[in-house]
Amino acid sequence: MPPITHPETYPKFQKQLGKVAVLAEMINWCIRNPLQGQPLALDDPKMTAIQSYVVW
């Protein structure tokens, strides 16, 4: 297993969002900003898969 380079716990205050955010909100922030993509709905199965992977 690769080393954990960014250990994160959520919910927590995120300067980028200016509020306390849950993991799904940070995933969408990353999709929108650095990746310039379209955010996922919070109940989208793809969002569930990404969150599961991150938590694992």
N, C-alpha and C. Protein backbone atom coordinates (compact mmCIF):
# COMPACT_ATOMS: atom_id res chain seq x y z
N MET A 1 0.85 -1.18 0.00
CA MET A 1 0.00 0.00 0.00
C MET A 1 0.90 1.24 0.00
N PRO A 2 0.57 2.25 -0.84
CA PRO A 2 1.39 3.46 -0.89
C PRO A 2 1.31 4.24 0.43
N PRO A 3 2.30 5.05 0.73
CA PRO A 3 2.25 5.85 1.96
C PRO A 3 1.14 6.89 1.89
N ILE A 4 0.60 7.21 3.03
CA ILE A 4 -0.42 8.25 3.11
C ILE A 4 0.29 9.60 3.10
N THR A 5 0.05 10.38 2.07
CA THR A 5 0.75 11.66 1.94
C THR A 5 -0.08 12.84 2.44
N HIS A 6 -1.39 12.69 2.46
CA HIS A 6 -2.27 13.77 2.92
C HIS A 6 -3.33 13.21 3.86
N PRO A 7 -2.95 12.81 5.08
CA PRO A 7 -3.97 12.28 5.97
C PRO A 7 -4.97 13.37 6.33
N GLU A 8 -6.21 13.13 6.05
CA GLU A 8 -7.26 14.12 6.27
C GLU A 8 -8.42 13.47 7.02
N THR A 9 -9.09 14.26 7.81
CA THR A 9 -10.32 13.83 8.46
C THR A 9 -11.38 14.87 8.17
N TYR A 10 -12.58 14.44 8.02
CA TYR A 10 -13.71 15.33 7.71
C TYR A 10 -14.87 14.99 8.60
N PRO A 11 -15.75 15.94 8.88
CA PRO A 11 -15.77 17.33 8.42
C PRO A 11 -14.70 18.16 9.14
N LYS A 12 -14.25 19.21 8.45
CA LYS A 12 -13.31 20.16 9.03
C LYS A 12 -13.38 21.47 8.26
N PHE A 13 -12.84 22.52 8.88
CA PHE A 13 -12.84 23.83 8.23
C PHE A 13 -11.86 23.81 7.07
N GLN A 14 -12.32 24.28 5.92
CA GLN A 14 -11.49 24.36 4.72
C GLN A 14 -11.37 25.81 4.28
N LYS A 15 -10.14 26.32 4.26
CA LYS A 15 -9.92 27.71 3.84
C LYS A 15 -10.42 27.94 2.41
N GLN A 16 -10.23 26.94 1.53
CA GLN A 16 -10.63 27.10 0.13
C GLN A 16 -12.13 27.37 0.00
N LEU A 17 -12.92 26.76 0.89
CA LEU A 17 -14.37 26.91 0.84
C LEU A 17 -14.89 27.97 1.81
N GLY A 18 -14.09 28.31 2.80
CA GLY A 18 -14.50 29.30 3.79
C GLY A 18 -15.54 28.78 4.75
N LYS A 19 -15.59 27.46 4.95
CA LYS A 19 -16.58 26.87 5.84
C LYS A 19 -16.15 25.46 6.24
N VAL A 20 -16.88 24.88 7.17
CA VAL A 20 -16.67 23.49 7.52
C VAL A 20 -17.24 22.65 6.39
N ALA A 21 -16.43 21.73 5.87
CA ALA A 21 -16.83 20.94 4.71
C ALA A 21 -16.76 19.45 5.02
N VAL A 22 -17.60 18.71 4.32
CA VAL A 22 -17.53 17.26 4.37
C VAL A 22 -16.67 16.80 3.20
N LEU A 23 -16.26 15.55 3.23
CA LEU A 23 -15.37 15.01 2.21
C LEU A 23 -15.92 15.22 0.79
N ALA A 24 -17.20 14.99 0.58
CA ALA A 24 -17.78 15.13 -0.76
C ALA A 24 -17.62 16.55 -1.29
N GLU A 25 -17.73 17.54 -0.43
CA GLU A 25 -17.56 18.93 -0.87
C GLU A 25 -16.12 19.19 -1.31
N MET A 26 -15.16 18.61 -0.61
CA MET A 26 -13.76 18.79 -1.00
C MET A 26 -13.45 18.04 -2.30
N ILE A 27 -14.05 16.87 -2.46
CA ILE A 27 -13.87 16.14 -3.72
C ILE A 27 -14.39 17.00 -4.88
N ASN A 28 -15.57 17.57 -4.71
CA ASN A 28 -16.13 18.42 -5.77
C ASN A 28 -15.28 19.67 -5.98
N TRP A 29 -14.71 20.23 -4.92
CA TRP A 29 -13.84 21.39 -5.07
C TRP A 29 -12.65 21.01 -5.95
N CYS A 30 -12.07 19.84 -5.69
CA CYS A 30 -10.92 19.38 -6.48
C CYS A 30 -11.30 19.11 -7.93
N ILE A 31 -12.48 18.57 -8.14
CA ILE A 31 -12.95 18.31 -9.52
C ILE A 31 -13.14 19.63 -10.25
N ARG A 32 -13.77 20.62 -9.59
CA ARG A 32 -14.06 21.91 -10.23
C ARG A 32 -12.82 22.75 -10.46
N ASN A 33 -11.95 22.84 -9.47
CA ASN A 33 -10.86 23.81 -9.53
C ASN A 33 -9.61 23.26 -10.20
N PRO A 34 -8.80 22.45 -9.55
CA PRO A 34 -7.60 22.02 -10.25
C PRO A 34 -7.89 21.21 -11.52
N LEU A 35 -8.94 20.40 -11.50
CA LEU A 35 -9.22 19.54 -12.67
C LEU A 35 -10.12 20.20 -13.70
N GLN A 36 -10.77 21.31 -13.34
CA GLN A 36 -11.67 22.05 -14.23
C GLN A 36 -12.76 21.16 -14.82
N GLY A 37 -13.33 20.29 -13.97
CA GLY A 37 -14.39 19.40 -14.41
C GLY A 37 -15.73 19.79 -13.83
N GLN A 38 -16.72 18.96 -14.09
CA GLN A 38 -18.06 19.18 -13.58
C GLN A 38 -18.23 18.43 -12.27
N PRO A 39 -18.72 19.12 -11.22
CA PRO A 39 -18.88 18.45 -9.93
C PRO A 39 -19.92 17.34 -10.00
N LEU A 40 -19.81 16.40 -9.08
CA LEU A 40 -20.75 15.28 -9.00
C LEU A 40 -21.85 15.60 -8.00
N ALA A 41 -23.03 15.06 -8.22
CA ALA A 41 -24.09 15.17 -7.21
C ALA A 41 -23.63 14.39 -5.98
N LEU A 42 -24.02 14.87 -4.81
CA LEU A 42 -23.59 14.22 -3.59
C LEU A 42 -24.09 12.79 -3.47
N ASP A 43 -25.20 12.48 -4.15
CA ASP A 43 -25.74 11.10 -4.09
C ASP A 43 -25.38 10.28 -5.34
N ASP A 44 -24.50 10.80 -6.19
CA ASP A 44 -24.06 10.08 -7.39
C ASP A 44 -23.25 8.85 -6.98
N PRO A 45 -23.49 7.70 -7.58
CA PRO A 45 -22.70 6.50 -7.26
C PRO A 45 -21.19 6.71 -7.45
N LYS A 46 -20.81 7.57 -8.40
CA LYS A 46 -19.39 7.86 -8.60
C LYS A 46 -18.81 8.59 -7.39
N MET A 47 -19.61 9.50 -6.80
CA MET A 47 -19.16 10.20 -5.60
C MET A 47 -19.00 9.21 -4.45
N THR A 48 -19.94 8.29 -4.32
CA THR A 48 -19.84 7.26 -3.28
C THR A 48 -18.58 6.43 -3.47
N ALA A 49 -18.27 6.09 -4.71
CA ALA A 49 -17.08 5.29 -4.99
C ALA A 49 -15.80 6.06 -4.65
N ILE A 50 -15.74 7.34 -5.00
CA ILE A 50 -14.55 8.14 -4.70
C ILE A 50 -14.38 8.28 -3.20
N GLN A 51 -15.47 8.57 -2.49
CA GLN A 51 -15.39 8.70 -1.04
C GLN A 51 -14.94 7.39 -0.40
N SER A 52 -15.47 6.28 -0.87
CA SER A 52 -15.08 4.97 -0.32
C SER A 52 -13.59 4.74 -0.53
N TYR A 53 -13.10 5.06 -1.71
CA TYR A 53 -11.69 4.88 -2.01
C TYR A 53 -10.82 5.75 -1.10
N VAL A 54 -11.20 7.02 -0.94
CA VAL A 54 -10.43 7.93 -0.11
C VAL A 54 -10.39 7.46 1.34
N VAL A 55 -11.52 7.03 1.84
CA VAL A 55 -11.60 6.58 3.24
C VAL A 55 -10.81 5.29 3.43
N TRP A 56 -10.84 4.42 2.43
CA TRP A 56 -10.11 3.16 2.52
C TRP A 56 -8.64 3.44 2.65
